Amino acid sequence: MCIVLRLYLWVRVLRDSCMIYRRRWQIYEGGYRRRGGPDISWSTAVRHCYVSNKPLFAGQLILWSCVIFTYIAYNGERDFQPDVFTIKNSMWFTVMQQLLVGYNDMFPKSAFGQTTCLLNTLCGMIILSLAIEIIFEAMTLSSIETWALDWLNEYEIKEKERDAATSYLSSWWRYAALSRDALEGAAPVEGDALQAKKTHLYHNAVTGFNNLRSESAKLHTLESYTADSSAGDFESAEADLNAILETLPKAMEATHRELAGRLDKMEKGQEAILAQLDALLAT
């Protein structure tokens, strides 16, 4: 029961120290409830702490769960298996149990120890799932990095499209010039050599045209990924700001007017003092 109370107090301290819980009334006044948001409770605060720094949260969860379950395993089995469940063995048993493996054929004999062993296993499954998510998230790219790669991919496709267009036009114009010279009788080669060269140029022109179409198709499919959404983001941010300003209480407006009046009085007082100083300096 003391351990449960300590866990409850730890959750309370974590909740009260979280920024989203301490400033929940400002969030409510900003239109959070009006937009259908649920009440901000301890679960929201815990999830906020996890999202803000996942590695730190998982590390603290691993540390404190190992300490707590080691203490429980040692106190629960020291009267039944004093030679087996020492403090060191209890710590290794807790860690290995969270990793879903056994340690040195140890198993609690008391009903309380078996229950806490089951809870320790469930806690280990949660910790492993969080660790796997952190590892996979560390291996993924951020939105900015993804945008940079998409932009670079688009740039490379444009370069390939330009090269394909250059190759196509070069081969086609050389083929057209060689055909014109053959009709006019001014071709540098004749007979089979002329036909072979024309066939080679025509083949290169067709290949370049096909490459040009392929790269253009790739570029068309990338347009939706590389579109700049900054204008839409600014518009949505401006709409959110207007919604927040509309929900400000009247007391805030009165406070702003009072502050503005005080500033005006201070400026007038400073002007009067400066005028007196100027008069003294003039005399």
C-alpha atoms as a PDB file:
ATOM      1  CA  MET A   1       0.000   0.000   0.000  1.00  0.00           C
ATOM      2  CA  CYS A   2       2.887   2.362   0.731  1.00  0.00           C
ATOM      3  CA  ILE A   3       4.326   1.665  -2.706  1.00  0.00           C
ATOM      4  CA  VAL A   4       0.962   2.324  -4.349  1.00  0.00           C
ATOM      5  CA  LEU A   5       0.665   5.609  -2.461  1.00  0.00           C
ATOM      6  CA  ARG A   6       4.165   6.582  -3.545  1.00  0.00           C
ATOM      7  CA  LEU A   7       3.295   5.852  -7.160  1.00  0.00           C
ATOM      8  CA  TYR A   8       0.148   7.936  -6.814  1.00  0.00           C
ATOM      9  CA  LEU A   9       2.145  10.835  -5.374  1.00  0.00           C
ATOM     10  CA  TRP A  10       4.715  10.483  -8.166  1.00  0.00           C
ATOM     11  CA  VAL A  11       1.972  10.725 -10.778  1.00  0.00           C
ATOM     12  CA  ARG A  12       0.524  13.739  -8.972  1.00  0.00           C
ATOM     13  CA  VAL A  13       3.907  15.485  -8.929  1.00  0.00           C
ATOM     14  CA  LEU A  14       4.438  14.681 -12.613  1.00  0.00           C
ATOM     15  CA  ARG A  15       1.001  16.030 -13.446  1.00  0.00           C
ATOM     16  CA  ASP A  16       1.401  19.261 -11.457  1.00  0.00           C
ATOM     17  CA  SER A  17       4.827  19.968 -12.966  1.00  0.00           C
ATOM     18  CA  CYS A  18       3.600  19.558 -16.534  1.00  0.00           C
ATOM     19  CA  MET A  19       3.101  22.809 -18.442  1.00  0.00           C
ATOM     20  CA  ILE A  20      -0.033  21.690 -20.264  1.00  0.00           C
ATOM     21  CA  TYR A  21      -1.763  20.907 -16.955  1.00  0.00           C
ATOM     22  CA  ARG A  22      -0.638  24.099 -15.176  1.00  0.00           C
ATOM     23  CA  ARG A  23      -1.823  26.277 -18.064  1.00  0.00           C
ATOM     24  CA  ARG A  24      -4.970  24.315 -18.899  1.00  0.00           C
ATOM     25  CA  TRP A  25      -7.267  27.244 -18.143  1.00  0.00           C
ATOM     26  CA  GLN A  26      -5.486  29.391 -20.698  1.00  0.00           C
ATOM     27  CA  ILE A  27      -5.919  26.576 -23.203  1.00  0.00           C
ATOM     28  CA  TYR A  28      -9.612  26.356 -22.358  1.00  0.00           C
ATOM     29  CA  GLU A  29     -10.055  30.117 -22.866  1.00  0.00           C
ATOM     30  CA  GLY A  30      -8.176  29.837 -26.157  1.00  0.00           C
ATOM     31  CA  GLY A  31     -10.947  27.735 -27.646  1.00  0.00           C
ATOM     32  CA  TYR A  32      -9.840  24.214 -26.666  1.00  0.00           C
ATOM     33  CA  ARG A  33     -13.244  23.196 -25.278  1.00  0.00           C
ATOM     34  CA  ARG A  34     -15.071  25.100 -27.988  1.00  0.00           C
ATOM     35  CA  ARG A  35     -13.321  22.955 -30.571  1.00  0.00           C
ATOM     36  CA  GLY A  36     -14.367  19.758 -28.801  1.00  0.00           C
ATOM     37  CA  GLY A  37     -11.226  19.049 -26.774  1.00  0.00           C
ATOM     38  CA  PRO A  38     -11.580  16.804 -23.683  1.00  0.00           C
ATOM     39  CA  ASP A  39     -10.603  17.903 -20.191  1.00  0.00           C
ATOM     40  CA  ILE A  40      -6.867  17.985 -19.519  1.00  0.00           C
ATOM     41  CA  SER A  41      -6.154  15.445 -16.762  1.00  0.00           C
ATOM     42  CA  TRP A  42      -3.203  13.485 -15.413  1.00  0.00           C
ATOM     43  CA  SER A  43      -3.245  11.139 -18.432  1.00  0.00           C
ATOM     44  CA  THR A  44      -2.854  14.118 -20.787  1.00  0.00           C
ATOM     45  CA  ALA A  45       0.037  15.398 -18.685  1.00  0.00           C
ATOM     46  CA  VAL A  46       1.786  12.001 -18.715  1.00  0.00           C
ATOM     47  CA  ARG A  47       1.332  11.667 -22.470  1.00  0.00           C
ATOM     48  CA  HIS A  48       2.678  15.200 -22.929  1.00  0.00           C
ATOM     49  CA  CYS A  49       5.783  14.303 -20.911  1.00  0.00           C
ATOM     50  CA  TYR A  50       6.263  11.220 -23.067  1.00  0.00           C
ATOM     51  CA  VAL A  51       5.830  13.050 -26.370  1.00  0.00           C
ATOM     52  CA  SER A  52       8.069  15.980 -25.365  1.00  0.00           C
ATOM     53  CA  ASN A  53      11.062  13.713 -24.594  1.00  0.00           C
ATOM     54  CA  LYS A  54      10.503  10.027 -25.331  1.00  0.00           C
ATOM     55  CA  PRO A  55      14.008   8.693 -24.512  1.00  0.00           C
ATOM     56  CA  LEU A  56      14.091  10.481 -21.142  1.00  0.00           C
ATOM     57  CA  PHE A  57      10.594   9.300 -20.239  1.00  0.00           C
ATOM     58  CA  ALA A  58      11.374   5.684 -21.173  1.00  0.00           C
ATOM     59  CA  GLY A  59      14.668   5.797 -19.266  1.00  0.00           C
ATOM     60  CA  GLN A  60      13.003   7.094 -16.118  1.00  0.00           C
ATOM     61  CA  LEU A  61      10.257   4.492 -16.448  1.00  0.00           C
ATOM     62  CA  ILE A  62      12.838   1.706 -16.749  1.00  0.00           C
ATOM     63  CA  LEU A  63      14.863   3.003 -13.784  1.00  0.00           C
ATOM     64  CA  TRP A  64      11.999   3.518 -11.363  1.00  0.00           C
ATOM     65  CA  SER A  65      10.159   0.335 -12.354  1.00  0.00           C
ATOM     66  CA  CYS A  66      13.321  -1.703 -11.761  1.00  0.00           C
ATOM     67  CA  VAL A  67      13.849  -0.073  -8.354  1.00  0.00           C
ATOM     68  CA  ILE A  68      10.233  -0.551  -7.281  1.00  0.00           C
ATOM     69  CA  PHE A  69       9.838  -4.146  -8.463  1.00  0.00           C
ATOM     70  CA  THR A  70      13.250  -5.092  -7.046  1.00  0.00           C
ATOM     71  CA  TYR A  71      12.132  -3.776  -3.672  1.00  0.00           C
ATOM     72  CA  ILE A  72       8.829  -5.643  -3.957  1.00  0.00           C
ATOM     73  CA  ALA A  73      10.463  -8.928  -5.022  1.00  0.00           C
ATOM     74  CA  TYR A  74      13.022  -8.768  -2.218  1.00  0.00           C
ATOM     75  CA  ASN A  75      10.496  -7.968   0.521  1.00  0.00           C
ATOM     76  CA  GLY A  76       7.937 -10.442  -0.799  1.00  0.00           C
ATOM     77  CA  GLU A  77      10.287 -13.461  -0.982  1.00  0.00           C
ATOM     78  CA  ARG A  78      12.912 -12.853   1.691  1.00  0.00           C
ATOM     79  CA  ASP A  79      10.866 -14.858   4.220  1.00  0.00           C
ATOM     80  CA  PHE A  80      10.233 -17.734   1.782  1.00  0.00           C
ATOM     81  CA  GLN A  81      13.518 -17.899  -0.178  1.00  0.00           C
ATOM     82  CA  PRO A  82      16.124 -15.815   1.707  1.00  0.00           C
ATOM     83  CA  ASP A  83      19.099 -17.486  -0.002  1.00  0.00           C
ATOM     84  CA  VAL A  84      17.682 -17.082  -3.501  1.00  0.00           C
ATOM     85  CA  PHE A  85      16.069 -13.632  -3.458  1.00  0.00           C
ATOM     86  CA  THR A  86      18.923 -11.465  -2.294  1.00  0.00           C
ATOM     87  CA  ILE A  87      19.024  -7.805  -3.257  1.00  0.00           C
ATOM     88  CA  LYS A  88      21.387  -8.487  -6.155  1.00  0.00           C
ATOM     89  CA  ASN A  89      19.446 -11.501  -7.417  1.00  0.00           C
ATOM     90  CA  SER A  90      16.152  -9.640  -7.011  1.00  0.00           C
ATOM     91  CA  MET A  91      17.483  -6.807  -9.170  1.00  0.00           C
ATOM     92  CA  TRP A  92      18.651  -9.159 -11.930  1.00  0.00           C
ATOM     93  CA  PHE A  93      15.407 -11.139 -11.674  1.00  0.00           C
ATOM     94  CA  THR A  94      13.379  -7.924 -12.125  1.00  0.00           C
ATOM     95  CA  VAL A  95      15.415  -6.775 -15.131  1.00  0.00           C
ATOM     96  CA  MET A  96      15.288 -10.161 -16.844  1.00  0.00           C
ATOM     97  CA  GLN A  97      11.585 -10.519 -16.113  1.00  0.00           C
ATOM     98  CA  GLN A  98      10.946  -7.188 -17.826  1.00  0.00           C
ATOM     99  CA  LEU A  99      12.895  -8.471 -20.816  1.00  0.00           C
ATOM    100  CA  LEU A 100      10.496 -11.460 -20.856  1.00  0.00           C
ATOM    101  CA  VAL A 101      13.242 -13.974 -20.001  1.00  0.00           C
ATOM    102  CA  GLY A 102      14.067 -15.880 -16.828  1.00  0.00           C
ATOM    103  CA  TYR A 103      17.045 -15.580 -14.513  1.00  0.00           C
ATOM    104  CA  ASN A 104      18.778 -18.472 -12.711  1.00  0.00           C
ATOM    105  CA  ASP A 105      15.548 -20.554 -12.437  1.00  0.00           C
ATOM    106  CA  MET A 106      14.142 -18.051  -9.932  1.00  0.00           C
ATOM    107  CA  PHE A 107      10.399 -17.876  -9.327  1.00  0.00           C
ATOM    108  CA  PRO A 108       8.418 -16.468  -6.394  1.00  0.00           C
ATOM    109  CA  LYS A 109       6.565 -18.908  -4.147  1.00  0.00           C
ATOM    110  CA  SER A 110       4.211 -16.515  -2.345  1.00  0.00           C
ATOM    111  CA  ALA A 111       0.936 -15.377  -3.876  1.00  0.00           C
ATOM    112  CA  PHE A 112       1.978 -11.749  -3.462  1.00  0.00           C
ATOM    113  CA  GLY A 113       5.287 -12.403  -5.247  1.00  0.00           C
ATOM    114  CA  GLN A 114       3.580 -14.199  -8.118  1.00  0.00           C
ATOM    115  CA  THR A 115       1.113 -11.338  -8.541  1.00  0.00           C
ATOM    116  CA  THR A 116       3.869  -8.726  -8.611  1.00  0.00           C
ATOM    117  CA  CYS A 117       5.812 -10.942 -11.028  1.00  0.00           C
ATOM    118  CA  LEU A 118       2.854 -10.797 -13.409  1.00  0.00           C
ATOM    119  CA  LEU A 119       2.657  -7.013 -13.020  1.00  0.00           C
ATOM    120  CA  ASN A 120       6.398  -6.772 -13.649  1.00  0.00           C
ATOM    121  CA  THR A 121       5.987  -8.763 -16.865  1.00  0.00           C
ATOM    122  CA  LEU A 122       3.202  -6.457 -18.055  1.00  0.00           C
ATOM    123  CA  CYS A 123       5.340  -3.426 -17.207  1.00  0.00           C
ATOM    124  CA  GLY A 124       8.207  -4.950 -19.188  1.00  0.00           C
ATOM    125  CA  MET A 125       5.952  -5.406 -22.214  1.00  0.00           C
ATOM    126  CA  ILE A 126       4.965  -1.739 -22.029  1.00  0.00           C
ATOM    127  CA  ILE A 127       8.593  -0.643 -21.702  1.00  0.00           C
ATOM    128  CA  LEU A 128       9.680  -2.819 -24.635  1.00  0.00           C
ATOM    129  CA  SER A 129       6.912  -1.405 -26.817  1.00  0.00           C
ATOM    130  CA  LEU A 130       7.972   2.141 -25.939  1.00  0.00           C
ATOM    131  CA  ALA A 131      11.620   1.306 -26.649  1.00  0.00           C
ATOM    132  CA  ILE A 132      10.723  -0.208 -30.027  1.00  0.00           C
ATOM    133  CA  GLU A 133       8.738   2.908 -30.945  1.00  0.00           C
ATOM    134  CA  ILE A 134      11.661   5.143 -29.948  1.00  0.00           C
ATOM    135  CA  ILE A 135      14.099   3.072 -32.016  1.00  0.00           C
ATOM    136  CA  PHE A 136      11.884   3.108 -35.112  1.00  0.00           C
ATOM    137  CA  GLU A 137      11.227   6.836 -34.697  1.00  0.00           C
ATOM    138  CA  ALA A 138      14.980   7.473 -34.499  1.00  0.00           C
ATOM    139  CA  MET A 139      15.405   5.619 -37.803  1.00  0.00           C
ATOM    140  CA  THR A 140      12.721   7.604 -39.631  1.00  0.00           C
ATOM    141  CA  LEU A 141      13.172  10.968 -41.333  1.00  0.00           C
ATOM    142  CA  SER A 142      11.599  14.171 -40.134  1.00  0.00           C
ATOM    143  CA  SER A 143       9.211  16.187 -42.285  1.00  0.00           C
ATOM    144  CA  ILE A 144      11.944  18.688 -43.197  1.00  0.00           C
ATOM    145  CA  GLU A 145      14.353  15.916 -44.177  1.00  0.00           C
ATOM    146  CA  THR A 146      11.633  14.233 -46.219  1.00  0.00           C
ATOM    147  CA  TRP A 147      10.938  17.517 -48.009  1.00  0.00           C
ATOM    148  CA  ALA A 148      14.661  17.945 -48.729  1.00  0.00           C
ATOM    149  CA  LEU A 149      14.907  14.452 -50.212  1.00  0.00           C
ATOM    150  CA  ASP A 150      11.787  14.997 -52.307  1.00  0.00           C
ATOM    151  CA  TRP A 151      13.178  18.288 -53.597  1.00  0.00           C
ATOM    152  CA  LEU A 152      16.521  16.667 -54.429  1.00  0.00           C
ATOM    153  CA  ASN A 153      14.765  13.789 -56.168  1.00  0.00           C
ATOM    154  CA  GLU A 154      12.750  16.253 -58.229  1.00  0.00           C
ATOM    155  CA  TYR A 155      15.913  18.169 -59.124  1.00  0.00           C
ATOM    156  CA  GLU A 156      17.667  14.983 -60.291  1.00  0.00           C
ATOM    157  CA  ILE A 157      14.656  13.967 -62.378  1.00  0.00           C
ATOM    158  CA  LYS A 158      14.664  17.406 -64.013  1.00  0.00           C
ATOM    159  CA  GLU A 159      18.350  16.971 -64.825  1.00  0.00           C
ATOM    160  CA  LYS A 160      17.673  13.563 -66.387  1.00  0.00           C
ATOM    161  CA  GLU A 161      14.747  15.037 -68.310  1.00  0.00           C
ATOM    162  CA  ARG A 162      16.986  17.808 -69.658  1.00  0.00           C
ATOM    163  CA  ASP A 163      19.699  15.327 -70.656  1.00  0.00           C
ATOM    164  CA  ALA A 164      17.130  13.094 -72.362  1.00  0.00           C
ATOM    165  CA  ALA A 165      15.699  16.074 -74.252  1.00  0.00           C
ATOM    166  CA  THR A 166      19.192  17.162 -75.319  1.00  0.00           C
ATOM    167  CA  SER A 167      20.038  13.654 -76.531  1.00  0.00           C
ATOM    168  CA  TYR A 168      16.733  13.389 -78.393  1.00  0.00           C
ATOM    169  CA  LEU A 169      17.082  16.732 -80.151  1.00  0.00           C
ATOM    170  CA  SER A 170      20.747  16.151 -80.999  1.00  0.00           C
ATOM    171  CA  SER A 171      20.129  12.740 -82.575  1.00  0.00           C
ATOM    172  CA  TRP A 172      17.006  13.920 -84.388  1.00  0.00           C
ATOM    173  CA  TRP A 173      18.616  17.017 -85.916  1.00  0.00           C
ATOM    174  CA  ARG A 174      21.681  15.008 -86.978  1.00  0.00           C
ATOM    175  CA  TYR A 175      19.358  12.437 -88.566  1.00  0.00           C
ATOM    176  CA  ALA A 176      17.406  15.189 -90.336  1.00  0.00           C
ATOM    177  CA  ALA A 177      20.607  16.872 -91.551  1.00  0.00           C
ATOM    178  CA  LEU A 178      22.006  13.568 -92.845  1.00  0.00           C
ATOM    179  CA  SER A 179      18.723  12.798 -94.666  1.00  0.00           C
ATOM    180  CA  ARG A 180      18.743  16.268 -96.279  1.00  0.00           C
ATOM    181  CA  ASP A 181      22.348  15.888 -97.407  1.00  0.00           C
ATOM    182  CA  ALA A 182      21.527  12.439 -98.860  1.00  0.00           C
ATOM    183  CA  LEU A 183      18.674  13.940-100.902  1.00  0.00           C
ATOM    184  CA  GLU A 184      20.873  16.769-102.135  1.00  0.00           C
ATOM    185  CA  GLY A 185      23.769  14.400-102.946  1.00  0.00           C
ATOM    186  CA  ALA A 186      26.159  16.036-100.469  1.00  0.00           C
ATOM    187  CA  ALA A 187      26.264  13.236 -97.881  1.00  0.00           C
ATOM    188  CA  PRO A 188      29.770  12.338 -96.561  1.00  0.00           C
ATOM    189  CA  VAL A 189      29.032   8.597 -96.895  1.00  0.00           C
ATOM    190  CA  GLU A 190      26.876   6.610 -99.296  1.00  0.00           C
ATOM    191  CA  GLY A 191      25.198   3.248 -99.666  1.00  0.00           C
ATOM    192  CA  ASP A 192      24.982   0.860 -96.744  1.00  0.00           C
ATOM    193  CA  ALA A 193      27.150   3.048 -94.507  1.00  0.00           C
ATOM    194  CA  LEU A 194      24.708   5.963 -94.938  1.00  0.00           C
ATOM    195  CA  GLN A 195      21.720   3.771 -94.097  1.00  0.00           C
ATOM    196  CA  ALA A 196      23.473   2.274 -91.060  1.00  0.00           C
ATOM    197  CA  LYS A 197      24.335   5.746 -89.726  1.00  0.00           C
ATOM    198  CA  LYS A 198      20.792   6.991 -90.270  1.00  0.00           C
ATOM    199  CA  THR A 199      19.410   3.902 -88.487  1.00  0.00           C
ATOM    200  CA  HIS A 200      21.780   4.490 -85.564  1.00  0.00           C
ATOM    201  CA  LEU A 201      20.753   8.154 -85.251  1.00  0.00           C
ATOM    202  CA  TYR A 202      17.075   7.301 -85.534  1.00  0.00           C
ATOM    203  CA  HIS A 203      17.443   4.650 -82.813  1.00  0.00           C
ATOM    204  CA  ASN A 204      19.193   7.151 -80.526  1.00  0.00           C
ATOM    205  CA  ALA A 205      16.440   9.712 -81.162  1.00  0.00           C
ATOM    206  CA  VAL A 206      13.697   7.217 -80.310  1.00  0.00           C
ATOM    207  CA  THR A 207      15.561   6.120 -77.170  1.00  0.00           C
ATOM    208  CA  GLY A 208      16.021   9.729 -76.058  1.00  0.00           C
ATOM    209  CA  PHE A 209      12.351  10.469 -76.666  1.00  0.00           C
ATOM    210  CA  ASN A 210      11.296   7.457 -74.601  1.00  0.00           C
ATOM    211  CA  ASN A 211      13.623   8.510 -71.784  1.00  0.00           C
ATOM    212  CA  LEU A 212      12.193  12.020 -71.967  1.00  0.00           C
ATOM    213  CA  ARG A 213       8.636  10.702 -71.616  1.00  0.00           C
ATOM    214  CA  SER A 214       9.654   8.442 -68.711  1.00  0.00           C
ATOM    215  CA  GLU A 215      11.334  11.243 -66.756  1.00  0.00           C
ATOM    216  CA  SER A 216       8.430  13.616 -67.444  1.00  0.00           C
ATOM    217  CA  ALA A 217       6.010  11.011 -66.072  1.00  0.00           C
ATOM    218  CA  LYS A 218       8.127  10.629 -62.914  1.00  0.00           C
ATOM    219  CA  LEU A 219       8.211  14.390 -62.473  1.00  0.00           C
ATOM    220  CA  HIS A 220       4.435  14.578 -62.827  1.00  0.00           C
ATOM    221  CA  THR A 221       3.945  12.026 -60.044  1.00  0.00           C
ATOM    222  CA  LEU A 222       6.218  14.013 -57.695  1.00  0.00           C
ATOM    223  CA  GLU A 223       4.306  17.275 -57.970  1.00  0.00           C
ATOM    224  CA  SER A 224       1.935  16.394 -55.122  1.00  0.00           C
ATOM    225  CA  TYR A 225       4.838  15.537 -52.803  1.00  0.00           C
ATOM    226  CA  THR A 226       6.991  18.573 -53.444  1.00  0.00           C
ATOM    227  CA  ALA A 227       4.255  21.193 -53.367  1.00  0.00           C
ATOM    228  CA  ASP A 228       5.001  24.080 -51.017  1.00  0.00           C
ATOM    229  CA  SER A 229       2.317  24.203 -48.300  1.00  0.00           C
ATOM    230  CA  SER A 230       3.672  27.273 -46.494  1.00  0.00           C
ATOM    231  CA  ALA A 231       0.866  29.516 -47.772  1.00  0.00           C
ATOM    232  CA  GLY A 232      -1.814  27.148 -46.498  1.00  0.00           C
ATOM    233  CA  ASP A 233      -0.010  26.832 -43.165  1.00  0.00           C
ATOM    234  CA  PHE A 234       0.073  30.610 -42.749  1.00  0.00           C
ATOM    235  CA  GLU A 235      -3.619  30.879 -43.562  1.00  0.00           C
ATOM    236  CA  SER A 236      -4.565  28.205 -41.015  1.00  0.00           C
ATOM    237  CA  ALA A 237      -2.330  29.833 -38.392  1.00  0.00           C
ATOM    238  CA  GLU A 238      -3.959  33.213 -39.043  1.00  0.00           C
ATOM    239  CA  ALA A 239      -7.426  31.655 -38.695  1.00  0.00           C
ATOM    240  CA  ASP A 240      -6.430  30.051 -35.381  1.00  0.00           C
ATOM    241  CA  LEU A 241      -5.055  33.366 -34.121  1.00  0.00           C
ATOM    242  CA  ASN A 242      -8.264  35.170 -35.025  1.00  0.00           C
ATOM    243  CA  ALA A 243     -10.297  32.501 -33.220  1.00  0.00           C
ATOM    244  CA  ILE A 244      -8.167  32.931 -30.091  1.00  0.00           C
ATOM    245  CA  LEU A 245      -8.494  36.721 -30.192  1.00  0.00           C
ATOM    246  CA  GLU A 246     -12.257  36.436 -30.502  1.00  0.00           C
ATOM    247  CA  THR A 247     -12.458  34.265 -27.386  1.00  0.00           C
ATOM    248  CA  LEU A 248     -10.429  36.604 -25.168  1.00  0.00           C
ATOM    249  CA  PRO A 249     -12.491  37.766 -22.181  1.00  0.00           C
ATOM    250  CA  LYS A 250     -13.607  41.370 -21.866  1.00  0.00           C
ATOM    251  CA  ALA A 251     -11.483  41.754 -18.762  1.00  0.00           C
ATOM    252  CA  MET A 252      -8.340  41.385 -20.855  1.00  0.00           C
ATOM    253  CA  GLU A 253      -9.481  44.165 -23.164  1.00  0.00           C
ATOM    254  CA  ALA A 254     -10.176  46.401 -20.177  1.00  0.00           C
ATOM    255  CA  THR A 255      -6.734  45.595 -18.793  1.00  0.00           C
ATOM    256  CA  HIS A 256      -5.121  46.493 -22.112  1.00  0.00           C
ATOM    257  CA  ARG A 257      -6.995  49.804 -22.196  1.00  0.00           C
ATOM    258  CA  GLU A 258      -5.895  50.563 -18.632  1.00  0.00           C
ATOM    259  CA  LEU A 259      -2.280  49.798 -19.463  1.00  0.00           C
ATOM    260  CA  ALA A 260      -2.478  51.951 -22.577  1.00  0.00           C
ATOM    261  CA  GLY A 261      -3.844  54.834 -20.472  1.00  0.00           C
ATOM    262  CA  ARG A 262      -1.040  54.476 -17.961  1.00  0.00           C
ATOM    263  CA  LEU A 263       1.532  54.515 -20.743  1.00  0.00           C
ATOM    264  CA  ASP A 264       0.012  57.685 -22.157  1.00  0.00           C
ATOM    265  CA  LYS A 265       0.168  59.349 -18.727  1.00  0.00           C
ATOM    266  CA  MET A 266       3.801  58.325 -18.320  1.00  0.00           C
ATOM    267  CA  GLU A 267       4.677  59.715 -21.744  1.00  0.00           C
ATOM    268  CA  LYS A 268       2.937  63.011 -20.950  1.00  0.00           C
ATOM    269  CA  GLY A 269       4.757  63.228 -17.610  1.00  0.00           C
ATOM    270  CA  GLN A 270       8.085  62.643 -19.327  1.00  0.00           C
ATOM    271  CA  GLU A 271       7.307  65.319 -21.883  1.00  0.00           C
ATOM    272  CA  ALA A 272       6.481  67.792 -19.096  1.00  0.00           C
ATOM    273  CA  ILE A 273       9.727  66.991 -17.290  1.00  0.00           C
ATOM    274  CA  LEU A 274      11.724  67.427 -20.512  1.00  0.00           C
ATOM    275  CA  ALA A 275      10.012  70.747 -21.139  1.00  0.00           C
ATOM    276  CA  GLN A 276      10.962  71.970 -17.633  1.00  0.00           C
ATOM    277  CA  LEU A 277      14.547  70.857 -18.175  1.00  0.00           C
ATOM    278  CA  ASP A 278      14.691  72.681 -21.509  1.00  0.00           C
ATOM    279  CA  ALA A 279      13.354  75.841 -19.814  1.00  0.00           C
ATOM    280  CA  LEU A 280      15.980  75.627 -17.064  1.00  0.00           C
ATOM    281  CA  LEU A 281      18.761  75.119 -19.598  1.00  0.00           C
ATOM    282  CA  ALA A 282      17.503  78.068 -21.641  1.00  0.00           C
ATOM    283  CA  THR A 283      17.667  80.375 -18.595  1.00  0.00           C
END
